[in-house]
C-alpha atoms as a PDB file:
ATOM      1  CA  MET A   1      -0.087   0.049  -0.014  1.00  0.00           C
ATOM      2  CA  ALA A   2       0.969   3.461  -0.711  1.00  0.00           C
ATOM      3  CA  LYS A   3       1.728   5.718   2.300  1.00  0.00           C
ATOM      4  CA  ALA A   4      -1.014   8.387   2.726  1.00  0.00           C
ATOM      5  CA  SER A   5       0.546  11.938   2.239  1.00  0.00           C
ATOM      6  CA  THR A   6      -0.096  14.030   5.402  1.00  0.00           C
ATOM      7  CA  PRO A   7      -1.069  17.577   4.605  1.00  0.00           C
ATOM      8  CA  LYS A   8       1.357  20.254   5.453  1.00  0.00           C
ATOM      9  CA  THR A   9       0.493  22.229   8.048  1.00  0.00           C
ATOM     10  CA  ALA A  10       0.856  26.015   8.153  1.00  0.00           C
ATOM     11  CA  GLU A  11       4.737  26.657   7.230  1.00  0.00           C
ATOM     12  CA  LYS A  12       6.570  28.896   9.433  1.00  0.00           C
ATOM     13  CA  ALA A  13       7.300  32.401   7.853  1.00  0.00           C
ATOM     14  CA  LYS A  14      11.155  32.241   6.833  1.00  0.00           C
ATOM     15  CA  LYS A  15      13.240  34.923   8.836  1.00  0.00           C
ATOM     16  CA  PRO A  16      15.578  37.347   6.985  1.00  0.00           C
ATOM     17  CA  TYR A  17      18.097  36.342   9.376  1.00  0.00           C
ATOM     18  CA  ARG A  18      19.727  33.534  11.266  1.00  0.00           C
ATOM     19  CA  LEU A  19      20.297  32.762  14.699  1.00  0.00           C
ATOM     20  CA  VAL A  20      23.768  30.857  15.578  1.00  0.00           C
ATOM     21  CA  LYS A  21      24.359  29.952  19.208  1.00  0.00           C
ATOM     22  CA  LYS A  22      27.907  29.811  19.949  1.00  0.00           C
ATOM     23  CA  LYS A  23      30.052  27.593  22.393  1.00  0.00           C
ATOM     24  CA  SER A  24      30.488  30.423  24.797  1.00  0.00           C
ATOM     25  CA  GLY A  25      26.816  30.810  25.132  1.00  0.00           C
ATOM     26  CA  LYS A  26      26.458  33.868  23.124  1.00  0.00           C
ATOM     27  CA  PHE A  27      24.472  34.516  20.026  1.00  0.00           C
ATOM     28  CA  LYS A  28      25.624  35.411  16.503  1.00  0.00           C
ATOM     29  CA  VAL A  29      23.087  36.941  13.947  1.00  0.00           C
ATOM     30  CA  VAL A  30      23.851  36.567  10.328  1.00  0.00           C
ATOM     31  CA  GLN A  31      21.507  38.370   7.808  1.00  0.00           C
ATOM     32  CA  LYS A  32      22.051  38.131   3.874  1.00  0.00           C
ATOM     33  CA  GLY A  33      25.889  36.630   4.746  1.00  0.00           C
ATOM     34  CA  LYS A  34      26.848  39.447   7.055  1.00  0.00           C
ATOM     35  CA  VAL A  35      27.143  39.667  10.832  1.00  0.00           C
ATOM     36  CA  VAL A  36      24.329  41.893  12.490  1.00  0.00           C
ATOM     37  CA  ASN A  37      25.756  43.802  15.662  1.00  0.00           C
ATOM     38  CA  GLY A  38      24.888  46.508  17.879  1.00  0.00           C
ATOM     39  CA  ALA A  39      21.398  47.958  18.786  1.00  0.00           C
ATOM     40  CA  GLU A  40      19.866  45.856  15.711  1.00  0.00           C
ATOM     41  CA  LYS A  41      21.356  42.671  17.100  1.00  0.00           C
ATOM     42  CA  VAL A  42      20.277  43.440  20.665  1.00  0.00           C
ATOM     43  CA  ALA A  43      16.423  44.226  19.009  1.00  0.00           C
ATOM     44  CA  ILE A  44      16.663  40.936  17.215  1.00  0.00           C
ATOM     45  CA  LEU A  45      17.504  38.667  20.288  1.00  0.00           C
ATOM     46  CA  ALA A  46      15.207  40.677  22.564  1.00  0.00           C
ATOM     47  CA  ALA A  47      12.378  40.002  19.952  1.00  0.00           C
ATOM     48  CA  GLU A  48      13.255  36.142  19.891  1.00  0.00           C
ATOM     49  CA  GLY A  49      13.136  36.064  23.640  1.00  0.00           C
ATOM     50  CA  LEU A  50      16.751  35.133  24.186  1.00  0.00           C
ATOM     51  CA  ILE A  51      17.801  37.934  26.098  1.00  0.00           C
ATOM     52  CA  LYS A  52      16.420  40.751  28.312  1.00  0.00           C
ATOM     53  CA  VAL A  53      17.333  44.138  27.537  1.00  0.00           C
ATOM     54  CA  MET A  54      18.015  45.975  30.826  1.00  0.00           C
ATOM     55  CA  LYS A  55      17.706  49.803  31.283  1.00  0.00           C
ATOM     56  CA  PRO A  56      20.580  51.704  32.713  1.00  0.00           C
ATOM     57  CA  LYS A  57      19.977  52.820  36.389  1.00  0.00           C
ATOM     58  CA  ALA A  58      19.481  56.248  36.939  1.00  0.00           C
ATOM     59  CA  LYS A  59      22.219  58.325  38.511  1.00  0.00           C
ATOM     60  CA  ALA A  60      21.853  59.534  42.023  1.00  0.00           C
ATOM     61  CA  ALA A  61      21.451  63.283  42.344  1.00  0.00           C
ATOM     62  CA  PRO A  62      25.100  64.838  43.788  1.00  0.00           C
ATOM     63  CA  ALA A  63      24.590  65.986  47.005  1.00  0.00           C
ATOM     64  CA  ALA A  64      24.757  70.083  47.131  1.00  0.00           C
ATOM     65  CA  ALA A  65      28.084  71.011  48.400  1.00  0.00           C
ATOM     66  CA  GLU A  66      28.104  74.107  50.361  1.00  0.00           C
END
């Protein structure tokens, strides 16, 4: 008997970038053969849920010198 072909479920949308996890545990983002760095990399990794973006702490107001 021939195998019944299973219908394909909704295919995942192909992403314009590729994520690679290095041995060090860090991630590399490759887009169109070029490595993505900086704010764009942080935005992609945060959107994927791989990192949490931390806001810098507010500096305490300097004490008034008399």
